[in-house]
Amino acid sequence: MFEQSSYTDYDQVLTRFVDERFEQLPYPASSEWNKLLQDDDFSGLEPATKVFDHIGQSCYCVISTAVASTQRLMVNILPDAQGKLFSFANQQSSSLADNGTASTISPTLLYDLSSKFIYIVLDDGSASLSDYEKFSRTNNVLWISMKADGVEQRDMNVVTRFARGARKDNEGLKLVTLDAKQNYPDSDILKVVTRIIQVSFQEDRGTRTEIVYEYRIGRVLVSRVKGSGVSNKLD
């Protein structure tokens, strides 16, 4: 028969073991979730769940999208004709590199285009639309309408008509447009562009992909969802 003190010692050890066994573990970091999801053919964390470390938070949900495949095509960034957006192009190149995507900057419009590139067109309205007609012959284009000092931003309705005609002429063309409607901190729009590159060109998400984006008041608006006609709003 055990002595009373032995029972007391056992209870203390058991209590300490239970406390340690069920101690709240720290939440996985965003990078850990992304690696786990991407290793299992998911897109990684969706924007709505990027932050889940609020003080006192006891739980969170994880939202991700299954993707058929992922490809890291090289990005070619084309600044405006006058070079006023060249600094932004450099920042965007660095942002893409941080996300694992290689890129290059072409100071002038290219004559030879390749299906192996994703082209980012930085359009401040200073060049004629006819200068961009050659991009209808390639496969992947992100057209960003931006405001530069001393230049009136191009009417987005004109860009939309141009994009619609280009897609009609080339059914294999994925031309996504982003209309930046406000003066913004560069760091914000860099994240937006990097995210659009990932979702629209690097991940195979099937046929329901957005092709028209608008950036205003610090938010990205999805004005049309291809194949559904539904309007949506993303953080």
C-alpha atoms as a PDB file:
ATOM      1  CA  MET A   1       0.000   0.000   0.000  1.00  0.00           C
ATOM      2  CA  PHE A   2       1.306   3.435  -0.949  1.00  0.00           C
ATOM      3  CA  GLU A   3       1.774   6.053   1.667  1.00  0.00           C
ATOM      4  CA  GLN A   4      -0.388   9.209   1.464  1.00  0.00           C
ATOM      5  CA  SER A   5       2.590  11.339   0.414  1.00  0.00           C
ATOM      6  CA  SER A   6       3.150   9.019  -2.581  1.00  0.00           C
ATOM      7  CA  TYR A   7      -0.393   9.648  -3.824  1.00  0.00           C
ATOM      8  CA  THR A   8       0.126  13.363  -3.443  1.00  0.00           C
ATOM      9  CA  ASP A   9       3.381  13.294  -5.436  1.00  0.00           C
ATOM     10  CA  TYR A  10       1.714  11.245  -8.203  1.00  0.00           C
ATOM     11  CA  ASP A  11      -1.173  13.686  -8.466  1.00  0.00           C
ATOM     12  CA  GLN A  12       1.215  16.606  -8.776  1.00  0.00           C
ATOM     13  CA  VAL A  13       3.223  14.870 -11.531  1.00  0.00           C
ATOM     14  CA  LEU A  14       0.027  13.938 -13.411  1.00  0.00           C
ATOM     15  CA  THR A  15      -1.340  17.469 -13.147  1.00  0.00           C
ATOM     16  CA  ARG A  16       1.916  18.931 -14.416  1.00  0.00           C
ATOM     17  CA  PHE A  17       1.957  16.427 -17.329  1.00  0.00           C
ATOM     18  CA  VAL A  18      -1.625  17.317 -18.343  1.00  0.00           C
ATOM     19  CA  ASP A  19      -0.881  21.045 -18.182  1.00  0.00           C
ATOM     20  CA  GLU A  20       2.167  20.607 -20.399  1.00  0.00           C
ATOM     21  CA  ARG A  21       0.407  18.197 -22.758  1.00  0.00           C
ATOM     22  CA  PHE A  22      -2.465  20.589 -23.508  1.00  0.00           C
ATOM     23  CA  GLU A  23      -0.538  23.836 -23.444  1.00  0.00           C
ATOM     24  CA  GLN A  24      -1.632  26.233 -26.221  1.00  0.00           C
ATOM     25  CA  LEU A  25       0.906  26.008 -29.037  1.00  0.00           C
ATOM     26  CA  PRO A  26       1.765  29.093 -31.116  1.00  0.00           C
ATOM     27  CA  TYR A  27      -0.135  29.488 -34.378  1.00  0.00           C
ATOM     28  CA  PRO A  28       1.797  28.543 -37.537  1.00  0.00           C
ATOM     29  CA  ALA A  29       3.221  31.550 -39.324  1.00  0.00           C
ATOM     30  CA  SER A  30       1.831  32.612 -42.714  1.00  0.00           C
ATOM     31  CA  SER A  31       4.989  31.301 -44.400  1.00  0.00           C
ATOM     32  CA  GLU A  32       4.498  27.875 -42.767  1.00  0.00           C
ATOM     33  CA  TRP A  33       0.867  27.688 -43.914  1.00  0.00           C
ATOM     34  CA  ASN A  34       1.839  28.753 -47.425  1.00  0.00           C
ATOM     35  CA  LYS A  35       4.546  26.095 -47.705  1.00  0.00           C
ATOM     36  CA  LEU A  36       2.217  23.368 -46.431  1.00  0.00           C
ATOM     37  CA  LEU A  37      -0.616  24.364 -48.769  1.00  0.00           C
ATOM     38  CA  GLN A  38       1.568  24.865 -51.844  1.00  0.00           C
ATOM     39  CA  ASP A  39       3.306  21.517 -51.281  1.00  0.00           C
ATOM     40  CA  ASP A  40      -0.147  19.924 -51.521  1.00  0.00           C
ATOM     41  CA  ASP A  41      -1.278  21.739 -54.696  1.00  0.00           C
ATOM     42  CA  PHE A  42      -3.156  24.606 -53.077  1.00  0.00           C
ATOM     43  CA  SER A  43      -2.721  28.298 -53.800  1.00  0.00           C
ATOM     44  CA  GLY A  44      -1.514  29.290 -50.360  1.00  0.00           C
ATOM     45  CA  LEU A  45      -3.395  31.523 -47.960  1.00  0.00           C
ATOM     46  CA  GLU A  46      -6.016  33.713 -49.580  1.00  0.00           C
ATOM     47  CA  PRO A  47      -5.818  37.458 -48.754  1.00  0.00           C
ATOM     48  CA  ALA A  48      -8.689  37.393 -46.266  1.00  0.00           C
ATOM     49  CA  THR A  49      -6.709  35.160 -43.908  1.00  0.00           C
ATOM     50  CA  LYS A  50      -3.234  36.676 -44.146  1.00  0.00           C
ATOM     51  CA  VAL A  51      -3.420  37.985 -40.555  1.00  0.00           C
ATOM     52  CA  PHE A  52      -4.514  35.742 -37.704  1.00  0.00           C
ATOM     53  CA  ASP A  53      -2.453  36.822 -34.728  1.00  0.00           C
ATOM     54  CA  HIS A  54      -4.786  39.245 -32.940  1.00  0.00           C
ATOM     55  CA  ILE A  55      -4.299  39.430 -29.178  1.00  0.00           C
ATOM     56  CA  GLY A  56      -6.775  37.124 -27.486  1.00  0.00           C
ATOM     57  CA  GLN A  57      -7.666  35.272 -30.675  1.00  0.00           C
ATOM     58  CA  SER A  58      -8.378  31.613 -29.911  1.00  0.00           C
ATOM     59  CA  CYS A  59      -9.065  30.279 -33.418  1.00  0.00           C
ATOM     60  CA  TYR A  60      -9.040  31.155 -37.111  1.00  0.00           C
ATOM     61  CA  CYS A  61     -10.059  29.586 -40.400  1.00  0.00           C
ATOM     62  CA  VAL A  62      -7.795  28.882 -43.349  1.00  0.00           C
ATOM     63  CA  ILE A  63      -9.035  29.663 -46.868  1.00  0.00           C
ATOM     64  CA  SER A  64      -7.170  28.397 -49.902  1.00  0.00           C
ATOM     65  CA  THR A  65      -7.892  27.353 -53.483  1.00  0.00           C
ATOM     66  CA  ALA A  66      -6.959  24.058 -55.077  1.00  0.00           C
ATOM     67  CA  VAL A  67      -4.912  24.625 -58.232  1.00  0.00           C
ATOM     68  CA  ALA A  68      -4.274  22.168 -61.038  1.00  0.00           C
ATOM     69  CA  SER A  69      -0.722  23.374 -61.591  1.00  0.00           C
ATOM     70  CA  THR A  70       1.673  26.215 -60.866  1.00  0.00           C
ATOM     71  CA  GLN A  71       4.167  27.717 -63.290  1.00  0.00           C
ATOM     72  CA  ARG A  72       6.685  30.480 -62.663  1.00  0.00           C
ATOM     73  CA  LEU A  73       6.953  32.188 -66.033  1.00  0.00           C
ATOM     74  CA  MET A  74       9.440  35.038 -66.149  1.00  0.00           C
ATOM     75  CA  VAL A  75       7.947  38.538 -66.075  1.00  0.00           C
ATOM     76  CA  ASN A  76       8.936  41.330 -68.468  1.00  0.00           C
ATOM     77  CA  ILE A  77       8.000  44.817 -67.236  1.00  0.00           C
ATOM     78  CA  LEU A  78       7.538  47.600 -69.783  1.00  0.00           C
ATOM     79  CA  PRO A  79       7.462  51.138 -68.303  1.00  0.00           C
ATOM     80  CA  ASP A  80       5.755  54.071 -70.021  1.00  0.00           C
ATOM     81  CA  ALA A  81       7.267  55.576 -73.167  1.00  0.00           C
ATOM     82  CA  GLN A  82       8.740  58.563 -71.280  1.00  0.00           C
ATOM     83  CA  GLY A  83      10.202  56.480 -68.471  1.00  0.00           C
ATOM     84  CA  LYS A  84       8.303  58.247 -65.677  1.00  0.00           C
ATOM     85  CA  LEU A  85       7.261  54.904 -64.211  1.00  0.00           C
ATOM     86  CA  PHE A  86      10.719  53.325 -64.434  1.00  0.00           C
ATOM     87  CA  SER A  87      11.243  53.668 -60.680  1.00  0.00           C
ATOM     88  CA  PHE A  88       7.986  51.839 -60.069  1.00  0.00           C
ATOM     89  CA  ALA A  89       9.096  49.109 -62.492  1.00  0.00           C
ATOM     90  CA  ASN A  90      12.271  48.607 -60.436  1.00  0.00           C
ATOM     91  CA  GLN A  91      10.276  48.332 -57.217  1.00  0.00           C
ATOM     92  CA  GLN A  92       7.861  45.884 -58.820  1.00  0.00           C
ATOM     93  CA  SER A  93      10.749  43.735 -60.035  1.00  0.00           C
ATOM     94  CA  SER A  94      12.075  43.519 -56.459  1.00  0.00           C
ATOM     95  CA  SER A  95       8.619  42.654 -55.127  1.00  0.00           C
ATOM     96  CA  LEU A  96       8.289  39.821 -57.632  1.00  0.00           C
ATOM     97  CA  ALA A  97      11.753  38.521 -56.702  1.00  0.00           C
ATOM     98  CA  ASP A  98      10.698  38.388 -53.041  1.00  0.00           C
ATOM     99  CA  ASN A  99       7.800  36.190 -54.179  1.00  0.00           C
ATOM    100  CA  GLY A 100      10.073  33.830 -56.121  1.00  0.00           C
ATOM    101  CA  THR A 101       9.369  35.243 -59.605  1.00  0.00           C
ATOM    102  CA  ALA A 102      12.224  36.363 -61.853  1.00  0.00           C
ATOM    103  CA  SER A 103      11.697  39.465 -63.963  1.00  0.00           C
ATOM    104  CA  THR A 104      13.378  41.853 -66.354  1.00  0.00           C
ATOM    105  CA  ILE A 105      12.666  45.461 -67.393  1.00  0.00           C
ATOM    106  CA  SER A 106      12.556  46.569 -71.037  1.00  0.00           C
ATOM    107  CA  PRO A 107      12.997  50.352 -71.345  1.00  0.00           C
ATOM    108  CA  THR A 108      11.410  50.362 -74.834  1.00  0.00           C
ATOM    109  CA  LEU A 109       8.524  48.467 -76.405  1.00  0.00           C
ATOM    110  CA  LEU A 110       9.594  45.104 -77.781  1.00  0.00           C
ATOM    111  CA  TYR A 111       9.366  43.900 -81.359  1.00  0.00           C
ATOM    112  CA  ASP A 112       9.790  40.217 -80.585  1.00  0.00           C
ATOM    113  CA  LEU A 113       7.369  38.766 -78.040  1.00  0.00           C
ATOM    114  CA  SER A 114       7.512  35.335 -76.440  1.00  0.00           C
ATOM    115  CA  SER A 115       4.804  33.086 -74.975  1.00  0.00           C
ATOM    116  CA  LYS A 116       7.310  32.211 -72.247  1.00  0.00           C
ATOM    117  CA  PHE A 117       6.923  35.649 -70.626  1.00  0.00           C
ATOM    118  CA  ILE A 118       4.254  37.417 -68.618  1.00  0.00           C
ATOM    119  CA  TYR A 119       4.269  41.021 -69.839  1.00  0.00           C
ATOM    120  CA  ILE A 120       3.396  43.887 -67.477  1.00  0.00           C
ATOM    121  CA  VAL A 121       2.464  46.996 -69.447  1.00  0.00           C
ATOM    122  CA  LEU A 122       2.699  50.206 -67.375  1.00  0.00           C
ATOM    123  CA  ASP A 123       0.412  52.586 -69.250  1.00  0.00           C
ATOM    124  CA  ASP A 124       0.282  56.254 -68.210  1.00  0.00           C
ATOM    125  CA  GLY A 125      -1.542  57.355 -71.351  1.00  0.00           C
ATOM    126  CA  SER A 126       1.476  58.980 -73.008  1.00  0.00           C
ATOM    127  CA  ALA A 127       1.800  56.449 -75.865  1.00  0.00           C
ATOM    128  CA  SER A 128      -0.590  55.654 -78.669  1.00  0.00           C
ATOM    129  CA  LEU A 129      -2.636  52.469 -78.251  1.00  0.00           C
ATOM    130  CA  SER A 130      -1.414  51.373 -81.668  1.00  0.00           C
ATOM    131  CA  ASP A 131       2.046  50.972 -80.112  1.00  0.00           C
ATOM    132  CA  TYR A 132       0.645  48.136 -77.990  1.00  0.00           C
ATOM    133  CA  GLU A 133      -1.190  46.200 -80.722  1.00  0.00           C
ATOM    134  CA  LYS A 134       1.628  43.662 -80.945  1.00  0.00           C
ATOM    135  CA  PHE A 135       0.765  42.384 -77.448  1.00  0.00           C
ATOM    136  CA  SER A 136      -2.394  40.802 -78.856  1.00  0.00           C
ATOM    137  CA  ARG A 137      -0.111  38.216 -80.475  1.00  0.00           C
ATOM    138  CA  THR A 138       1.279  36.868 -77.194  1.00  0.00           C
ATOM    139  CA  ASN A 139      -0.362  34.860 -74.373  1.00  0.00           C
ATOM    140  CA  ASN A 140      -0.019  36.619 -70.998  1.00  0.00           C
ATOM    141  CA  VAL A 141      -0.379  40.363 -70.430  1.00  0.00           C
ATOM    142  CA  LEU A 142      -1.145  42.407 -67.310  1.00  0.00           C
ATOM    143  CA  TRP A 143      -2.107  45.936 -68.375  1.00  0.00           C
ATOM    144  CA  ILE A 144      -1.797  48.511 -65.569  1.00  0.00           C
ATOM    145  CA  SER A 145      -3.289  51.949 -66.141  1.00  0.00           C
ATOM    146  CA  MET A 146      -1.435  54.363 -63.834  1.00  0.00           C
ATOM    147  CA  LYS A 147      -1.113  58.102 -63.384  1.00  0.00           C
ATOM    148  CA  ALA A 148       2.251  59.759 -63.923  1.00  0.00           C
ATOM    149  CA  ASP A 149       3.200  63.373 -63.203  1.00  0.00           C
ATOM    150  CA  GLY A 150       2.238  65.735 -65.999  1.00  0.00           C
ATOM    151  CA  VAL A 151       0.309  63.131 -68.000  1.00  0.00           C
ATOM    152  CA  GLU A 152      -3.443  62.634 -68.142  1.00  0.00           C
ATOM    153  CA  GLN A 153      -4.371  59.045 -67.347  1.00  0.00           C
ATOM    154  CA  ARG A 154      -5.920  57.174 -70.258  1.00  0.00           C
ATOM    155  CA  ASP A 155      -9.679  56.637 -70.286  1.00  0.00           C
ATOM    156  CA  MET A 156     -10.156  53.082 -69.031  1.00  0.00           C
ATOM    157  CA  ASN A 157     -13.122  52.574 -71.372  1.00  0.00           C
ATOM    158  CA  VAL A 158     -10.691  52.903 -74.283  1.00  0.00           C
ATOM    159  CA  VAL A 159      -8.401  50.300 -72.707  1.00  0.00           C
ATOM    160  CA  THR A 160     -11.351  47.969 -72.108  1.00  0.00           C
ATOM    161  CA  ARG A 161     -12.386  48.140 -75.762  1.00  0.00           C
ATOM    162  CA  PHE A 162      -8.791  47.568 -76.834  1.00  0.00           C
ATOM    163  CA  ALA A 163      -8.509  44.524 -74.544  1.00  0.00           C
ATOM    164  CA  ARG A 164     -11.823  43.096 -75.738  1.00  0.00           C
ATOM    165  CA  GLY A 165     -10.716  43.366 -79.372  1.00  0.00           C
ATOM    166  CA  ALA A 166      -7.330  41.785 -78.607  1.00  0.00           C
ATOM    167  CA  ARG A 167      -8.959  38.807 -76.886  1.00  0.00           C
ATOM    168  CA  LYS A 168     -11.324  38.367 -79.830  1.00  0.00           C
ATOM    169  CA  ASP A 169      -8.398  38.310 -82.271  1.00  0.00           C
ATOM    170  CA  ASN A 170      -6.413  35.859 -80.135  1.00  0.00           C
ATOM    171  CA  GLU A 171      -8.431  33.340 -78.142  1.00  0.00           C
ATOM    172  CA  GLY A 172      -5.249  32.135 -76.439  1.00  0.00           C
ATOM    173  CA  LEU A 173      -4.528  35.583 -74.990  1.00  0.00           C
ATOM    174  CA  LYS A 174      -5.025  36.159 -71.271  1.00  0.00           C
ATOM    175  CA  LEU A 175      -5.086  39.942 -70.955  1.00  0.00           C
ATOM    176  CA  VAL A 176      -5.834  41.196 -67.437  1.00  0.00           C
ATOM    177  CA  THR A 177      -6.342  44.902 -66.722  1.00  0.00           C
ATOM    178  CA  LEU A 178      -5.768  46.840 -63.504  1.00  0.00           C
ATOM    179  CA  ASP A 179      -7.051  50.412 -63.257  1.00  0.00           C
ATOM    180  CA  ALA A 180      -5.293  52.345 -60.463  1.00  0.00           C
ATOM    181  CA  LYS A 181      -7.791  55.083 -59.614  1.00  0.00           C
ATOM    182  CA  GLN A 182      -5.990  56.928 -56.830  1.00  0.00           C
ATOM    183  CA  ASN A 183      -2.707  58.258 -55.580  1.00  0.00           C
ATOM    184  CA  TYR A 184      -1.312  55.363 -53.613  1.00  0.00           C
ATOM    185  CA  PRO A 185       1.743  54.317 -51.611  1.00  0.00           C
ATOM    186  CA  ASP A 186       3.885  52.270 -53.979  1.00  0.00           C
ATOM    187  CA  SER A 187       4.193  49.444 -51.447  1.00  0.00           C
ATOM    188  CA  ASP A 188       0.434  48.854 -51.555  1.00  0.00           C
ATOM    189  CA  ILE A 189       0.118  48.587 -55.323  1.00  0.00           C
ATOM    190  CA  LEU A 190       3.267  46.428 -55.504  1.00  0.00           C
ATOM    191  CA  LYS A 191       1.567  43.815 -53.339  1.00  0.00           C
ATOM    192  CA  VAL A 192      -1.591  44.025 -55.448  1.00  0.00           C
ATOM    193  CA  VAL A 193       0.291  43.515 -58.726  1.00  0.00           C
ATOM    194  CA  THR A 194       2.319  40.625 -57.327  1.00  0.00           C
ATOM    195  CA  ARG A 195      -0.878  38.962 -56.128  1.00  0.00           C
ATOM    196  CA  ILE A 196      -2.616  39.405 -59.492  1.00  0.00           C
ATOM    197  CA  ILE A 197       0.399  37.890 -61.285  1.00  0.00           C
ATOM    198  CA  GLN A 198       0.188  34.875 -58.985  1.00  0.00           C
ATOM    199  CA  VAL A 199      -3.573  34.347 -59.237  1.00  0.00           C
ATOM    200  CA  SER A 200      -4.067  35.167 -62.917  1.00  0.00           C
ATOM    201  CA  PHE A 201      -0.948  33.746 -64.560  1.00  0.00           C
ATOM    202  CA  GLN A 202       0.966  31.407 -62.252  1.00  0.00           C
ATOM    203  CA  GLU A 203      -1.848  29.283 -60.831  1.00  0.00           C
ATOM    204  CA  ASP A 204      -4.202  27.176 -62.917  1.00  0.00           C
ATOM    205  CA  ARG A 205      -7.537  27.931 -61.252  1.00  0.00           C
ATOM    206  CA  GLY A 206      -9.766  26.773 -64.102  1.00  0.00           C
ATOM    207  CA  THR A 207     -12.089  28.999 -66.135  1.00  0.00           C
ATOM    208  CA  ARG A 208     -13.427  31.275 -63.371  1.00  0.00           C
ATOM    209  CA  THR A 209     -10.676  33.867 -63.392  1.00  0.00           C
ATOM    210  CA  GLU A 210     -10.921  37.624 -63.014  1.00  0.00           C
ATOM    211  CA  ILE A 211      -9.765  39.720 -65.964  1.00  0.00           C
ATOM    212  CA  VAL A 212     -10.703  43.242 -64.808  1.00  0.00           C
ATOM    213  CA  TYR A 213      -9.432  44.804 -61.564  1.00  0.00           C
ATOM    214  CA  GLU A 214      -9.764  48.276 -60.117  1.00  0.00           C
ATOM    215  CA  TYR A 215      -7.720  49.736 -57.255  1.00  0.00           C
ATOM    216  CA  ARG A 216      -9.228  52.575 -55.225  1.00  0.00           C
ATOM    217  CA  ILE A 217      -9.486  53.684 -51.600  1.00  0.00           C
ATOM    218  CA  GLY A 218      -6.860  51.106 -50.664  1.00  0.00           C
ATOM    219  CA  ARG A 219      -8.969  48.199 -51.933  1.00  0.00           C
ATOM    220  CA  VAL A 220      -8.978  45.950 -54.979  1.00  0.00           C
ATOM    221  CA  LEU A 221     -12.353  45.711 -56.708  1.00  0.00           C
ATOM    222  CA  VAL A 222     -13.165  42.826 -59.022  1.00  0.00           C
ATOM    223  CA  SER A 223     -15.712  44.359 -61.361  1.00  0.00           C
ATOM    224  CA  ARG A 224     -16.316  41.270 -63.490  1.00  0.00           C
ATOM    225  CA  VAL A 225     -15.738  37.563 -62.962  1.00  0.00           C
ATOM    226  CA  LYS A 226     -15.227  35.748 -66.241  1.00  0.00           C
ATOM    227  CA  GLY A 227     -17.913  33.123 -66.810  1.00  0.00           C
ATOM    228  CA  SER A 228     -20.228  34.238 -64.019  1.00  0.00           C
ATOM    229  CA  GLY A 229     -21.045  37.932 -64.374  1.00  0.00           C
ATOM    230  CA  VAL A 230     -20.792  38.333 -60.586  1.00  0.00           C
ATOM    231  CA  SER A 231     -19.233  41.395 -58.971  1.00  0.00           C
ATOM    232  CA  ASN A 232     -16.940  40.806 -56.035  1.00  0.00           C
ATOM    233  CA  LYS A 233     -14.639  42.673 -53.669  1.00  0.00           C
ATOM    234  CA  LEU A 234     -11.293  41.459 -52.363  1.00  0.00           C
ATOM    235  CA  ASP A 235      -9.067  42.791 -49.576  1.00  0.00           C
END
